[in-house]
Amino acid sequence: MNLLTRTALLASSLLAPIALASNTALEDTFRAFSRCDDQFFASLHTHSAAWSKHVALKSAKSASWIPVDNRAYGESASVPLRHAPQIAGVKLLAYFDKSVDLDALGNYLFWGFVVEGSPERVAQQLRPLIDRGEHLLPSGGLHARAEVRNGGRWELFKNPPGDAPGRARLERVLILEPDEGSQGKRTRVTCTLQGAVDDAVLALYRPDIPTTDYPGQRVP
């Protein structure tokens, strides 16, 4: 074995634990993300060194987040991830963060990842990392875990209602669906808060959103 080969093997052996630690950090954050609450932003903060290799972060207090230019507009609500990090063999391609206020139909927030692969394959590979993954159920080409807030507790939907939640009902959904225009080659892994999303809900679940962007601060 020549000197060059020995040096390459030594470098590989030294880098392997670093790569493993980085992958574990990303998996921990994805597991927190799948809860669809503030734990995602706390985990981004804890593992900011690993995530900063792939995307810019912003931080405040004990939370970090992936900033987008504008939550309201198309491509401005998305940012690509460098080097396509992998979680459970699934490549993460981009992060998105969108919101829309539909007046009487409710307020809607969507945040998550565009990943490589079909919803079926992605669900199979990521399920072990998904909080309450056994409740991620297939339906019409997508997979979803849906919850409704009832008396201060989140309850899984047994029979999801067919109407919009409006301003009276707060829903939370983790959904895996085909990315538009990808012919099944990409999947959007999305957390949503929808319906009765007010200032108190945002303060509890979305520490990345400044109070100046809360619904109660908007001029009618």
Protein backbone atom coordinates (compact mmCIF):
# COMPACT_ATOMS: atom_id res chain seq x y z
CA MET A 1 0.00 0.00 0.00
CA ASN A 2 1.55 3.28 -1.09
CA LEU A 3 1.57 6.54 0.87
CA LEU A 4 -1.19 8.11 -1.24
CA THR A 5 -3.54 5.18 -0.65
CA ARG A 6 -2.84 5.16 3.10
CA THR A 7 -3.51 8.91 3.27
CA ALA A 8 -6.81 8.53 1.43
CA LEU A 9 -7.92 5.72 3.74
CA LEU A 10 -6.97 7.75 6.81
CA ALA A 11 -8.91 10.78 5.57
CA SER A 12 -11.91 8.57 4.83
CA SER A 13 -11.84 7.03 8.31
CA LEU A 14 -11.64 10.47 9.91
CA LEU A 15 -14.49 11.93 7.84
CA ALA A 16 -16.88 9.00 8.29
CA PRO A 17 -17.86 9.84 11.91
CA ILE A 18 -18.40 13.47 10.91
CA ALA A 19 -20.72 12.47 8.04
CA LEU A 20 -22.60 10.06 10.33
CA ALA A 21 -23.08 12.76 12.98
CA SER A 22 -24.32 15.20 10.34
CA ASN A 23 -26.82 12.67 8.96
CA THR A 24 -28.07 11.89 12.46
CA ALA A 25 -28.61 15.61 13.08
CA LEU A 26 -30.62 15.95 9.86
CA GLU A 27 -32.73 12.92 10.74
CA ASP A 28 -33.40 14.28 14.24
CA THR A 29 -34.59 17.55 12.72
CA PHE A 30 -36.80 15.80 10.17
CA ARG A 31 -38.33 13.75 12.97
CA ALA A 32 -39.10 16.99 14.81
CA PHE A 33 -40.44 18.56 11.59
CA SER A 34 -42.93 15.70 11.17
CA ARG A 35 -44.66 16.81 14.39
CA CYS A 36 -45.71 20.00 12.58
CA ASP A 37 -45.06 22.24 15.56
CA ASP A 38 -42.37 24.44 17.12
CA GLN A 39 -40.03 21.48 17.79
CA PHE A 40 -38.83 21.69 14.17
CA PHE A 41 -37.43 25.17 14.74
CA ALA A 42 -35.85 24.16 18.05
CA SER A 43 -34.13 21.22 16.33
CA LEU A 44 -32.89 23.43 13.49
CA HIS A 45 -31.33 25.61 16.18
CA THR A 46 -29.71 22.66 17.97
CA HIS A 47 -28.35 21.22 14.72
CA SER A 48 -27.65 24.49 12.93
CA ALA A 49 -24.07 23.46 12.13
CA ALA A 50 -25.27 20.48 10.10
CA TRP A 51 -28.07 22.37 8.31
CA SER A 52 -25.91 25.41 7.53
CA LYS A 53 -23.93 23.24 5.11
CA HIS A 54 -27.05 23.00 2.95
CA VAL A 55 -29.03 26.21 3.44
CA ALA A 56 -28.85 29.61 5.12
CA LEU A 57 -30.47 29.90 8.54
CA LYS A 58 -31.73 32.71 10.71
CA SER A 59 -32.00 32.50 14.48
CA ALA A 60 -33.62 34.19 17.45
CA LYS A 61 -33.47 33.00 21.05
CA SER A 62 -33.76 29.18 20.97
CA ALA A 63 -35.22 28.85 17.47
CA SER A 64 -33.73 28.78 13.96
CA TRP A 65 -35.47 28.70 10.61
CA ILE A 66 -34.90 28.61 6.86
CA PRO A 67 -35.88 32.03 5.50
CA VAL A 68 -37.69 32.50 2.19
CA ASP A 69 -38.06 35.79 0.33
CA ASN A 70 -41.83 35.97 0.47
CA ARG A 71 -44.36 33.48 1.85
CA ALA A 72 -47.07 34.78 -0.45
CA TYR A 73 -45.52 34.40 -3.90
CA GLY A 74 -44.63 31.33 -5.97
CA GLU A 75 -40.92 30.71 -6.32
CA SER A 76 -40.11 33.39 -3.73
CA ALA A 77 -41.57 31.07 -1.10
CA SER A 78 -39.00 28.35 -1.80
CA VAL A 79 -35.24 27.96 -1.43
CA PRO A 80 -33.03 25.14 -2.82
CA LEU A 81 -30.90 22.98 -0.55
CA ARG A 82 -27.22 22.70 -1.44
CA HIS A 83 -25.67 19.27 -2.09
CA ALA A 84 -29.11 17.55 -1.83
CA PRO A 85 -28.73 16.09 1.68
CA GLN A 86 -30.23 12.63 2.20
CA ILE A 87 -32.49 11.41 4.98
CA ALA A 88 -33.25 7.68 5.05
CA GLY A 89 -32.05 7.54 1.45
CA VAL A 90 -34.39 10.33 0.32
CA LYS A 91 -32.80 13.41 -1.27
CA LEU A 92 -34.03 16.78 0.03
CA LEU A 93 -34.11 19.23 -2.89
CA ALA A 94 -35.74 22.40 -1.52
CA TYR A 95 -37.54 23.96 1.44
CA PHE A 96 -40.72 26.01 1.11
CA ASP A 97 -42.79 28.19 3.43
CA LYS A 98 -46.10 29.60 2.21
CA SER A 99 -49.16 31.23 3.71
CA VAL A 100 -52.53 32.41 2.41
CA ASP A 101 -55.50 34.04 4.14
CA LEU A 102 -58.82 32.97 2.61
CA ASP A 103 -60.99 35.19 4.78
CA ALA A 104 -64.04 33.22 5.95
CA LEU A 105 -62.50 29.94 4.76
CA GLY A 106 -59.59 30.34 7.17
CA ASN A 107 -55.89 31.09 7.34
CA TYR A 108 -53.48 28.52 5.85
CA LEU A 109 -49.76 27.94 6.43
CA PHE A 110 -47.70 25.38 4.50
CA TRP A 111 -44.04 24.56 5.18
CA GLY A 112 -41.84 21.61 4.31
CA PHE A 113 -39.54 19.95 1.80
CA VAL A 114 -39.53 19.01 -1.85
CA VAL A 115 -37.85 15.62 -2.07
CA GLU A 116 -36.88 13.15 -4.77
CA GLY A 117 -39.20 10.19 -5.44
CA SER A 118 -42.90 9.35 -5.58
CA PRO A 119 -45.17 9.79 -2.53
CA GLU A 120 -45.47 6.02 -2.19
CA ARG A 121 -41.71 5.44 -2.13
CA VAL A 122 -41.01 8.49 0.03
CA ALA A 123 -43.67 7.44 2.55
CA GLN A 124 -42.16 3.96 2.76
CA GLN A 125 -38.63 5.25 3.36
CA LEU A 126 -39.46 8.12 5.71
CA ARG A 127 -42.18 6.46 7.78
CA PRO A 128 -39.74 5.26 10.51
CA LEU A 129 -38.72 8.91 11.04
CA ILE A 130 -42.25 10.32 11.01
CA ASP A 131 -43.95 11.07 14.32
CA ARG A 132 -46.89 8.67 14.64
CA GLY A 133 -45.99 7.30 11.24
CA GLU A 134 -48.55 4.53 11.60
CA HIS A 135 -51.23 7.20 11.16
CA LEU A 136 -49.81 8.40 7.84
CA LEU A 137 -52.50 6.89 5.60
CA PRO A 138 -52.73 6.61 1.78
CA SER A 139 -55.58 8.34 0.01
CA GLY A 140 -55.92 9.02 -3.71
CA GLY A 141 -52.25 9.16 -4.63
CA LEU A 142 -51.10 10.96 -1.48
CA HIS A 143 -50.40 10.12 2.17
CA ALA A 144 -51.65 12.19 5.11
CA ARG A 145 -51.90 12.32 8.89
CA ALA A 146 -54.68 14.74 9.82
CA GLU A 147 -55.55 16.21 13.24
CA VAL A 148 -58.05 18.65 14.67
CA ARG A 149 -57.64 20.77 17.80
CA ASN A 150 -60.30 19.89 20.35
CA GLY A 151 -60.43 21.23 23.88
CA GLY A 152 -56.72 22.04 23.99
CA ARG A 153 -55.67 18.65 22.55
CA TRP A 154 -54.84 17.42 19.07
CA GLU A 155 -57.05 14.53 17.96
CA LEU A 156 -56.51 12.40 14.88
CA PHE A 157 -59.26 12.61 12.28
CA LYS A 158 -61.22 9.37 12.06
CA ASN A 159 -63.47 10.78 9.38
CA PRO A 160 -61.95 13.96 7.93
CA PRO A 161 -64.64 16.57 7.22
CA GLY A 162 -65.12 17.55 3.62
CA ASP A 163 -65.55 21.26 4.28
CA ALA A 164 -63.04 24.07 4.82
CA PRO A 165 -62.21 24.61 8.52
CA GLY A 166 -63.09 28.31 8.40
CA ARG A 167 -62.37 30.49 11.42
CA ALA A 168 -63.87 28.11 13.98
CA ARG A 169 -61.81 24.93 13.52
CA LEU A 170 -58.03 24.48 13.70
CA GLU A 171 -56.53 21.61 11.72
CA ARG A 172 -52.99 20.28 11.41
CA VAL A 173 -51.97 17.96 8.57
CA LEU A 174 -48.77 16.23 7.49
CA ILE A 175 -49.17 15.41 3.80
CA LEU A 176 -47.03 13.73 1.15
CA GLU A 177 -48.23 14.58 -2.33
CA PRO A 178 -46.79 14.75 -5.86
CA ASP A 179 -44.90 17.94 -6.64
CA GLU A 180 -46.75 19.75 -9.39
CA GLY A 181 -45.27 19.18 -12.84
CA SER A 182 -42.78 16.50 -11.72
CA GLN A 183 -44.60 13.50 -13.28
CA GLY A 184 -44.31 11.67 -9.98
CA LYS A 185 -40.55 12.13 -9.69
CA ARG A 186 -40.73 14.57 -6.75
CA THR A 187 -42.86 14.75 -3.61
CA ARG A 188 -43.86 17.64 -1.38
CA VAL A 189 -43.63 16.72 2.30
CA THR A 190 -45.80 19.41 3.87
CA CYS A 191 -46.90 20.47 7.33
CA THR A 192 -50.01 22.61 7.42
CA LEU A 193 -51.83 24.67 10.00
CA GLN A 194 -55.19 25.64 8.62
CA GLY A 195 -58.42 27.30 9.60
CA ALA A 196 -58.51 29.14 12.92
CA VAL A 197 -54.86 30.22 12.79
CA ASP A 198 -54.65 33.33 14.95
CA ASP A 199 -51.89 35.20 16.81
CA ALA A 200 -51.90 32.73 19.72
CA VAL A 201 -51.54 29.72 17.40
CA LEU A 202 -48.61 31.30 15.57
CA ALA A 203 -46.88 32.24 18.82
CA LEU A 204 -47.16 28.62 19.97
CA TYR A 205 -46.28 26.71 16.80
CA ARG A 206 -44.37 29.06 14.48
CA PRO A 207 -41.62 30.92 16.40
CA ASP A 208 -40.03 31.86 13.06
CA ILE A 209 -42.86 34.22 12.10
CA PRO A 210 -42.44 37.76 13.47
CA THR A 211 -45.32 39.27 15.40
CA THR A 212 -45.58 41.99 12.75
CA ASP A 213 -46.84 39.29 10.37
CA TYR A 214 -49.52 37.98 12.71
CA PRO A 215 -53.13 38.15 11.45
CA GLY A 216 -54.08 40.52 14.26
CA GLN A 217 -51.47 43.02 13.04
CA ARG A 218 -52.69 43.19 9.46
CA VAL A 219 -54.55 46.21 8.25
CA PRO A 220 -58.03 45.22 6.94
